[in-house]
C-alpha atoms as a PDB file:
ATOM      1  CA  UNK A   1      -5.404 -14.149   7.931  1.00  0.00           C
ATOM      2  CA  UNK A   2      -3.627 -10.943   8.273  1.00  0.00           C
ATOM      3  CA  UNK A   3      -5.165  -7.813   9.344  1.00  0.00           C
ATOM      4  CA  UNK A   4      -3.858  -4.270   9.343  1.00  0.00           C
ATOM      5  CA  UNK A   5      -2.482  -3.262  12.870  1.00  0.00           C
ATOM      6  CA  UNK A   6      -3.334   0.402  13.929  1.00  0.00           C
ATOM      7  CA  UNK A   7      -0.278   2.645  13.737  1.00  0.00           C
ATOM      8  CA  UNK A   8       0.737   4.363  17.002  1.00  0.00           C
ATOM      9  CA  UNK A   9       2.645   6.933  15.226  1.00  0.00           C
ATOM     10  CA  UNK A  10       1.394  10.661  15.708  1.00  0.00           C
ATOM     11  CA  UNK A  11       1.693  12.150  12.321  1.00  0.00           C
ATOM     12  CA  UNK A  12       0.507  15.855  12.841  1.00  0.00           C
ATOM     13  CA  UNK A  13       3.919  17.397  13.215  1.00  0.00           C
ATOM     14  CA  UNK A  14       5.678  15.267  10.909  1.00  0.00           C
ATOM     15  CA  UNK A  15       3.104  15.979   8.029  1.00  0.00           C
ATOM     16  CA  UNK A  16       3.266  19.835   8.794  1.00  0.00           C
ATOM     17  CA  UNK A  17       6.963  19.627   8.529  1.00  0.00           C
ATOM     18  CA  UNK A  18       7.003  17.807   5.145  1.00  0.00           C
ATOM     19  CA  UNK A  19       4.153  19.761   3.551  1.00  0.00           C
ATOM     20  CA  UNK A  20       4.857  21.085   0.075  1.00  0.00           C
ATOM     21  CA  UNK A  21       2.939  23.817  -1.843  1.00  0.00           C
ATOM     22  CA  UNK A  22      -0.121  22.652  -3.663  1.00  0.00           C
ATOM     23  CA  UNK A  23       0.769  24.559  -6.758  1.00  0.00           C
ATOM     24  CA  UNK A  24       3.771  22.178  -7.339  1.00  0.00           C
ATOM     25  CA  UNK A  25       1.353  19.456  -7.706  1.00  0.00           C
ATOM     26  CA  UNK A  26      -1.311  20.851 -10.161  1.00  0.00           C
ATOM     27  CA  UNK A  27      -2.145  17.281 -11.311  1.00  0.00           C
ATOM     28  CA  UNK A  28      -3.279  15.684  -8.091  1.00  0.00           C
ATOM     29  CA  UNK A  29      -5.662  12.901  -8.416  1.00  0.00           C
ATOM     30  CA  UNK A  30      -5.988   9.307  -7.397  1.00  0.00           C
ATOM     31  CA  UNK A  31      -8.297   6.619  -5.962  1.00  0.00           C
ATOM     32  CA  UNK A  32     -11.336   9.045  -5.584  1.00  0.00           C
ATOM     33  CA  UNK A  33     -11.328  10.802  -9.055  1.00  0.00           C
ATOM     34  CA  UNK A  34     -14.910   9.653  -9.423  1.00  0.00           C
ATOM     35  CA  UNK A  35     -17.519   9.089  -6.895  1.00  0.00           C
ATOM     36  CA  UNK A  36     -17.333   5.488  -5.551  1.00  0.00           C
ATOM     37  CA  UNK A  37     -20.318   3.259  -5.157  1.00  0.00           C
ATOM     38  CA  UNK A  38     -20.832   2.798  -1.442  1.00  0.00           C
ATOM     39  CA  UNK A  39     -22.205  -0.744  -1.940  1.00  0.00           C
ATOM     40  CA  UNK A  40     -19.068  -1.844  -3.652  1.00  0.00           C
ATOM     41  CA  UNK A  41     -15.959  -3.645  -2.047  1.00  0.00           C
ATOM     42  CA  UNK A  42     -12.555  -2.879  -3.640  1.00  0.00           C
ATOM     43  CA  UNK A  43     -10.051  -5.673  -4.029  1.00  0.00           C
ATOM     44  CA  UNK A  44      -6.532  -5.982  -5.343  1.00  0.00           C
ATOM     45  CA  UNK A  45      -3.588  -8.525  -5.765  1.00  0.00           C
ATOM     46  CA  UNK A  46      -0.122  -8.138  -4.390  1.00  0.00           C
ATOM     47  CA  UNK A  47       2.010 -10.753  -5.835  1.00  0.00           C
ATOM     48  CA  UNK A  48       5.774  -9.700  -5.869  1.00  0.00           C
ATOM     49  CA  UNK A  49       7.551 -11.064  -9.062  1.00  0.00           C
ATOM     50  CA  UNK A  50       4.333 -11.767 -10.911  1.00  0.00           C
ATOM     51  CA  UNK A  51       3.463 -10.274 -14.242  1.00  0.00           C
ATOM     52  CA  UNK A  52      -0.269 -11.199 -14.362  1.00  0.00           C
ATOM     53  CA  UNK A  53      -3.110 -11.171 -11.745  1.00  0.00           C
ATOM     54  CA  UNK A  54      -7.029 -11.311 -11.757  1.00  0.00           C
ATOM     55  CA  UNK A  55      -9.695 -10.236  -9.483  1.00  0.00           C
ATOM     56  CA  UNK A  56     -13.130 -11.910 -10.276  1.00  0.00           C
ATOM     57  CA  UNK A  57     -13.543 -11.007 -13.951  1.00  0.00           C
ATOM     58  CA  UNK A  58     -10.744  -8.326 -14.180  1.00  0.00           C
ATOM     59  CA  UNK A  59      -7.374  -9.545 -15.485  1.00  0.00           C
ATOM     60  CA  UNK A  60      -4.142  -7.630 -15.565  1.00  0.00           C
ATOM     61  CA  UNK A  61      -1.361  -8.727 -17.781  1.00  0.00           C
ATOM     62  CA  UNK A  62       1.407  -6.025 -16.962  1.00  0.00           C
ATOM     63  CA  UNK A  63       1.600  -5.625 -13.209  1.00  0.00           C
ATOM     64  CA  UNK A  64       3.583  -2.650 -11.949  1.00  0.00           C
ATOM     65  CA  UNK A  65       5.953  -4.388  -9.500  1.00  0.00           C
ATOM     66  CA  UNK A  66       3.502  -7.100  -8.801  1.00  0.00           C
ATOM     67  CA  UNK A  67       0.664  -4.777  -7.461  1.00  0.00           C
ATOM     68  CA  UNK A  68      -2.694  -4.746  -9.285  1.00  0.00           C
ATOM     69  CA  UNK A  69      -5.323  -1.910  -9.195  1.00  0.00           C
ATOM     70  CA  UNK A  70      -8.158  -2.281  -6.797  1.00  0.00           C
ATOM     71  CA  UNK A  71     -11.347  -3.531  -8.520  1.00  0.00           C
ATOM     72  CA  UNK A  72     -14.736  -2.432  -7.466  1.00  0.00           C
ATOM     73  CA  UNK A  73     -16.766  -5.581  -6.875  1.00  0.00           C
ATOM     74  CA  UNK A  74     -20.158  -6.638  -5.323  1.00  0.00           C
ATOM     75  CA  UNK A  75     -19.759  -7.877  -1.727  1.00  0.00           C
ATOM     76  CA  UNK A  76     -19.149 -11.540  -1.305  1.00  0.00           C
ATOM     77  CA  UNK A  77     -16.628 -14.324  -1.917  1.00  0.00           C
ATOM     78  CA  UNK A  78     -14.302 -12.713  -4.518  1.00  0.00           C
ATOM     79  CA  UNK A  79     -11.845 -15.219  -6.528  1.00  0.00           C
ATOM     80  CA  UNK A  80      -8.385 -13.745  -7.185  1.00  0.00           C
ATOM     81  CA  UNK A  81      -5.079 -15.232  -8.825  1.00  0.00           C
ATOM     82  CA  UNK A  82      -1.731 -14.440  -9.912  1.00  0.00           C
ATOM     83  CA  UNK A  83       0.832 -16.297 -11.926  1.00  0.00           C
ATOM     84  CA  UNK A  84       1.842 -17.886  -8.361  1.00  0.00           C
ATOM     85  CA  UNK A  85      -1.483 -19.275  -7.490  1.00  0.00           C
ATOM     86  CA  UNK A  86      -4.973 -18.279  -6.467  1.00  0.00           C
ATOM     87  CA  UNK A  87      -7.393 -17.461  -3.427  1.00  0.00           C
ATOM     88  CA  UNK A  88     -10.457 -15.544  -2.440  1.00  0.00           C
ATOM     89  CA  UNK A  89     -11.520 -12.997  -0.096  1.00  0.00           C
ATOM     90  CA  UNK A  90     -14.866 -12.415   1.637  1.00  0.00           C
ATOM     91  CA  UNK A  91     -15.311  -8.694   0.750  1.00  0.00           C
ATOM     92  CA  UNK A  92     -17.742  -6.329   2.614  1.00  0.00           C
ATOM     93  CA  UNK A  93     -19.103  -3.298   1.202  1.00  0.00           C
ATOM     94  CA  UNK A  94     -16.963  -0.032   1.444  1.00  0.00           C
ATOM     95  CA  UNK A  95     -13.873  -1.804   2.461  1.00  0.00           C
ATOM     96  CA  UNK A  96     -10.659  -2.164   0.753  1.00  0.00           C
ATOM     97  CA  UNK A  97      -8.780  -5.509   0.516  1.00  0.00           C
ATOM     98  CA  UNK A  98      -5.297  -6.624  -0.514  1.00  0.00           C
ATOM     99  CA  UNK A  99      -4.729 -10.371  -1.365  1.00  0.00           C
ATOM    100  CA  UNK A 100      -1.148 -11.244  -1.151  1.00  0.00           C
ATOM    101  CA  UNK A 101      -0.561 -14.180  -3.423  1.00  0.00           C
ATOM    102  CA  UNK A 102       2.948 -15.874  -3.273  1.00  0.00           C
ATOM    103  CA  UNK A 103       3.989 -19.455  -3.930  1.00  0.00           C
ATOM    104  CA  UNK A 104       3.257 -19.964  -0.223  1.00  0.00           C
ATOM    105  CA  UNK A 105      -0.393 -19.267  -0.546  1.00  0.00           C
ATOM    106  CA  UNK A 106      -2.634 -16.288  -0.298  1.00  0.00           C
ATOM    107  CA  UNK A 107      -3.457 -14.149   2.738  1.00  0.00           C
ATOM    108  CA  UNK A 108      -5.668 -11.073   3.041  1.00  0.00           C
ATOM    109  CA  UNK A 109      -5.040  -7.666   4.331  1.00  0.00           C
ATOM    110  CA  UNK A 110      -7.755  -5.117   5.030  1.00  0.00           C
ATOM    111  CA  UNK A 111      -6.465  -1.656   3.956  1.00  0.00           C
ATOM    112  CA  UNK A 112      -7.376   1.546   5.825  1.00  0.00           C
ATOM    113  CA  UNK A 113      -7.722   3.992   3.033  1.00  0.00           C
ATOM    114  CA  UNK A 114      -8.201   7.659   4.164  1.00  0.00           C
ATOM    115  CA  UNK A 115     -11.126   9.757   2.683  1.00  0.00           C
ATOM    116  CA  UNK A 116      -9.658  13.018   3.978  1.00  0.00           C
ATOM    117  CA  UNK A 117      -9.397  15.249   1.205  1.00  0.00           C
ATOM    118  CA  UNK A 118      -6.072  16.874   2.320  1.00  0.00           C
ATOM    119  CA  UNK A 119      -4.292  13.618   2.939  1.00  0.00           C
ATOM    120  CA  UNK A 120      -2.959  10.395   1.157  1.00  0.00           C
ATOM    121  CA  UNK A 121      -2.435   6.818   2.488  1.00  0.00           C
ATOM    122  CA  UNK A 122       0.772   5.126   2.864  1.00  0.00           C
ATOM    123  CA  UNK A 123       0.560   1.447   3.213  1.00  0.00           C
ATOM    124  CA  UNK A 124       3.768  -0.606   4.035  1.00  0.00           C
ATOM    125  CA  UNK A 125       3.793  -4.454   3.523  1.00  0.00           C
ATOM    126  CA  UNK A 126       6.663  -6.473   5.095  1.00  0.00           C
ATOM    127  CA  UNK A 127       6.947  -9.461   2.984  1.00  0.00           C
ATOM    128  CA  UNK A 128      10.252 -10.479   4.305  1.00  0.00           C
ATOM    129  CA  UNK A 129      11.287 -12.714   7.311  1.00  0.00           C
ATOM    130  CA  UNK A 130      12.328  -9.728   9.236  1.00  0.00           C
ATOM    131  CA  UNK A 131      10.557  -9.805  12.614  1.00  0.00           C
ATOM    132  CA  UNK A 132       9.891  -5.850  12.320  1.00  0.00           C
ATOM    133  CA  UNK A 133      10.702  -3.205   9.984  1.00  0.00           C
ATOM    134  CA  UNK A 134       9.994   0.540  10.043  1.00  0.00           C
ATOM    135  CA  UNK A 135       9.847   3.332   7.431  1.00  0.00           C
ATOM    136  CA  UNK A 136      11.939   6.333   8.238  1.00  0.00           C
ATOM    137  CA  UNK A 137      11.745   9.719   6.575  1.00  0.00           C
ATOM    138  CA  UNK A 138      15.135  11.391   6.608  1.00  0.00           C
ATOM    139  CA  UNK A 139      13.780  15.028   5.828  1.00  0.00           C
ATOM    140  CA  UNK A 140      11.785  14.839   8.997  1.00  0.00           C
ATOM    141  CA  UNK A 141      14.003  12.644  11.138  1.00  0.00           C
ATOM    142  CA  UNK A 142      11.062  10.558  12.060  1.00  0.00           C
ATOM    143  CA  UNK A 143       9.316   7.187  11.321  1.00  0.00           C
ATOM    144  CA  UNK A 144       6.223   7.286   9.182  1.00  0.00           C
ATOM    145  CA  UNK A 145       5.383   3.627   9.935  1.00  0.00           C
ATOM    146  CA  UNK A 146       6.900   1.430  12.587  1.00  0.00           C
ATOM    147  CA  UNK A 147       7.051  -2.120  13.723  1.00  0.00           C
ATOM    148  CA  UNK A 148       5.438  -3.835  10.753  1.00  0.00           C
ATOM    149  CA  UNK A 149       5.686  -7.565  11.571  1.00  0.00           C
ATOM    150  CA  UNK A 150       6.903 -10.243   9.180  1.00  0.00           C
ATOM    151  CA  UNK A 151       3.965 -10.886   6.810  1.00  0.00           C
ATOM    152  CA  UNK A 152       2.116  -7.803   8.154  1.00  0.00           C
ATOM    153  CA  UNK A 153       0.956  -4.440   6.984  1.00  0.00           C
ATOM    154  CA  UNK A 154       0.137  -0.885   8.376  1.00  0.00           C
ATOM    155  CA  UNK A 155      -1.271   1.976   6.904  1.00  0.00           C
ATOM    156  CA  UNK A 156      -1.209   5.660   7.745  1.00  0.00           C
ATOM    157  CA  UNK A 157      -2.785   8.751   6.358  1.00  0.00           C
ATOM    158  CA  UNK A 158      -0.201  11.777   5.405  1.00  0.00           C
ATOM    159  CA  UNK A 159      -1.021  15.400   4.655  1.00  0.00           C
ATOM    160  CA  UNK A 160      -0.439  15.949   0.999  1.00  0.00           C
ATOM    161  CA  UNK A 161       0.712  16.817  -1.488  1.00  0.00           C
ATOM    162  CA  UNK A 162       4.389  16.085  -0.720  1.00  0.00           C
ATOM    163  CA  UNK A 163       7.274  14.191  -2.176  1.00  0.00           C
ATOM    164  CA  UNK A 164       9.947  12.662   0.308  1.00  0.00           C
ATOM    165  CA  UNK A 165      12.639  10.148   0.464  1.00  0.00           C
ATOM    166  CA  UNK A 166      11.785   6.935   2.491  1.00  0.00           C
ATOM    167  CA  UNK A 167      14.164   4.500   4.191  1.00  0.00           C
ATOM    168  CA  UNK A 168      13.192   0.908   5.182  1.00  0.00           C
ATOM    169  CA  UNK A 169      14.869   0.145   8.409  1.00  0.00           C
ATOM    170  CA  UNK A 170      15.357  -2.717  10.724  1.00  0.00           C
ATOM    171  CA  UNK A 171      16.198  -0.991  14.026  1.00  0.00           C
ATOM    172  CA  UNK A 172      18.990   1.277  13.260  1.00  0.00           C
ATOM    173  CA  UNK A 173      20.051  -0.482  10.123  1.00  0.00           C
ATOM    174  CA  UNK A 174      19.055   0.787   6.677  1.00  0.00           C
ATOM    175  CA  UNK A 175      17.736  -1.972   4.452  1.00  0.00           C
ATOM    176  CA  UNK A 176      16.457  -0.073   1.182  1.00  0.00           C
ATOM    177  CA  UNK A 177      15.917   3.279   0.061  1.00  0.00           C
ATOM    178  CA  UNK A 178      13.243   4.986  -2.070  1.00  0.00           C
ATOM    179  CA  UNK A 179      13.829   8.405  -3.448  1.00  0.00           C
ATOM    180  CA  UNK A 180      11.191  11.130  -3.885  1.00  0.00           C
ATOM    181  CA  UNK A 181       8.070   9.176  -3.385  1.00  0.00           C
ATOM    182  CA  UNK A 182       5.096  11.393  -4.226  1.00  0.00           C
ATOM    183  CA  UNK A 183       2.015  11.466  -2.512  1.00  0.00           C
ATOM    184  CA  UNK A 184      -1.280  13.044  -3.854  1.00  0.00           C
ATOM    185  CA  UNK A 185      -4.345  14.113  -2.161  1.00  0.00           C
ATOM    186  CA  UNK A 186      -7.039  11.431  -1.805  1.00  0.00           C
ATOM    187  CA  UNK A 187      -4.650   8.978  -3.416  1.00  0.00           C
ATOM    188  CA  UNK A 188      -2.267   6.362  -2.044  1.00  0.00           C
ATOM    189  CA  UNK A 189       1.326   4.677  -2.217  1.00  0.00           C
ATOM    190  CA  UNK A 190       1.860   1.001  -1.544  1.00  0.00           C
ATOM    191  CA  UNK A 191       5.241   0.042  -0.447  1.00  0.00           C
ATOM    192  CA  UNK A 192       6.232  -3.573  -0.781  1.00  0.00           C
ATOM    193  CA  UNK A 193       9.408  -4.851   0.995  1.00  0.00           C
ATOM    194  CA  UNK A 194      10.641  -8.292   0.004  1.00  0.00           C
ATOM    195  CA  UNK A 195      13.827 -10.298   0.078  1.00  0.00           C
ATOM    196  CA  UNK A 196      15.952 -12.566   2.264  1.00  0.00           C
ATOM    197  CA  UNK A 197      18.435 -11.973   4.826  1.00  0.00           C
ATOM    198  CA  UNK A 198      20.373  -8.647   4.022  1.00  0.00           C
ATOM    199  CA  UNK A 199      19.234  -8.833   0.435  1.00  0.00           C
ATOM    200  CA  UNK A 200      16.069  -6.619   0.640  1.00  0.00           C
ATOM    201  CA  UNK A 201      14.194  -4.733  -2.048  1.00  0.00           C
ATOM    202  CA  UNK A 202      11.458  -2.129  -1.656  1.00  0.00           C
ATOM    203  CA  UNK A 203       9.055  -0.631  -4.281  1.00  0.00           C
ATOM    204  CA  UNK A 204       6.646   2.036  -4.376  1.00  0.00           C
ATOM    205  CA  UNK A 205       3.568   1.687  -6.414  1.00  0.00           C
ATOM    206  CA  UNK A 206       0.611   4.266  -6.647  1.00  0.00           C
ATOM    207  CA  UNK A 207      -2.533   2.798  -5.239  1.00  0.00           C
ATOM    208  CA  UNK A 208      -5.247   3.052  -7.820  1.00  0.00           C
ATOM    209  CA  UNK A 209      -8.788   1.801  -8.724  1.00  0.00           C
ATOM    210  CA  UNK A 210      -9.298   0.175 -12.004  1.00  0.00           C
ATOM    211  CA  UNK A 211     -11.705   2.224 -14.252  1.00  0.00           C
END
């Protein structure tokens, strides 16, 4: 089972450098648009290449880049599936879970979603065989996330709103680029990196809760 590894990167200066004016993002919104039941757990499926997925009784037939919304569920053993296979997660109240479902099986990540009203959550998933990847921000000349192991994930909280370019790196080598990724307050962005060898792809998907 995978678990999120706490980030070691100090983001205070980085976030201050990248902060944009609130007026430019009048439509801020995301995960916490409505009050959440503190007794619920939140579960989603990440299945790169899949077009369908389900979490308990909720089905999604048009996945955006293989990432489903989180589904609010009662704590317990929650079944999940994608067009590649199925699995389950033992979910606890108040926690967010991503179940990565591939042809090789299912693994679970506990996501660290910020509840700070001035910040957004950036989550990076390394679904390649690269031993470690980083997420670099050219505008700041700094890494937002570093040393994410193969099969692993890390999450960080960024001051929002902002919009930045992001580059996936292996050491000093650029692997993939994402242009103008937008972060909204109390929302999140999920970045999933896939591929083999030097053929690496990255997608950025808003982290949402099914309503």
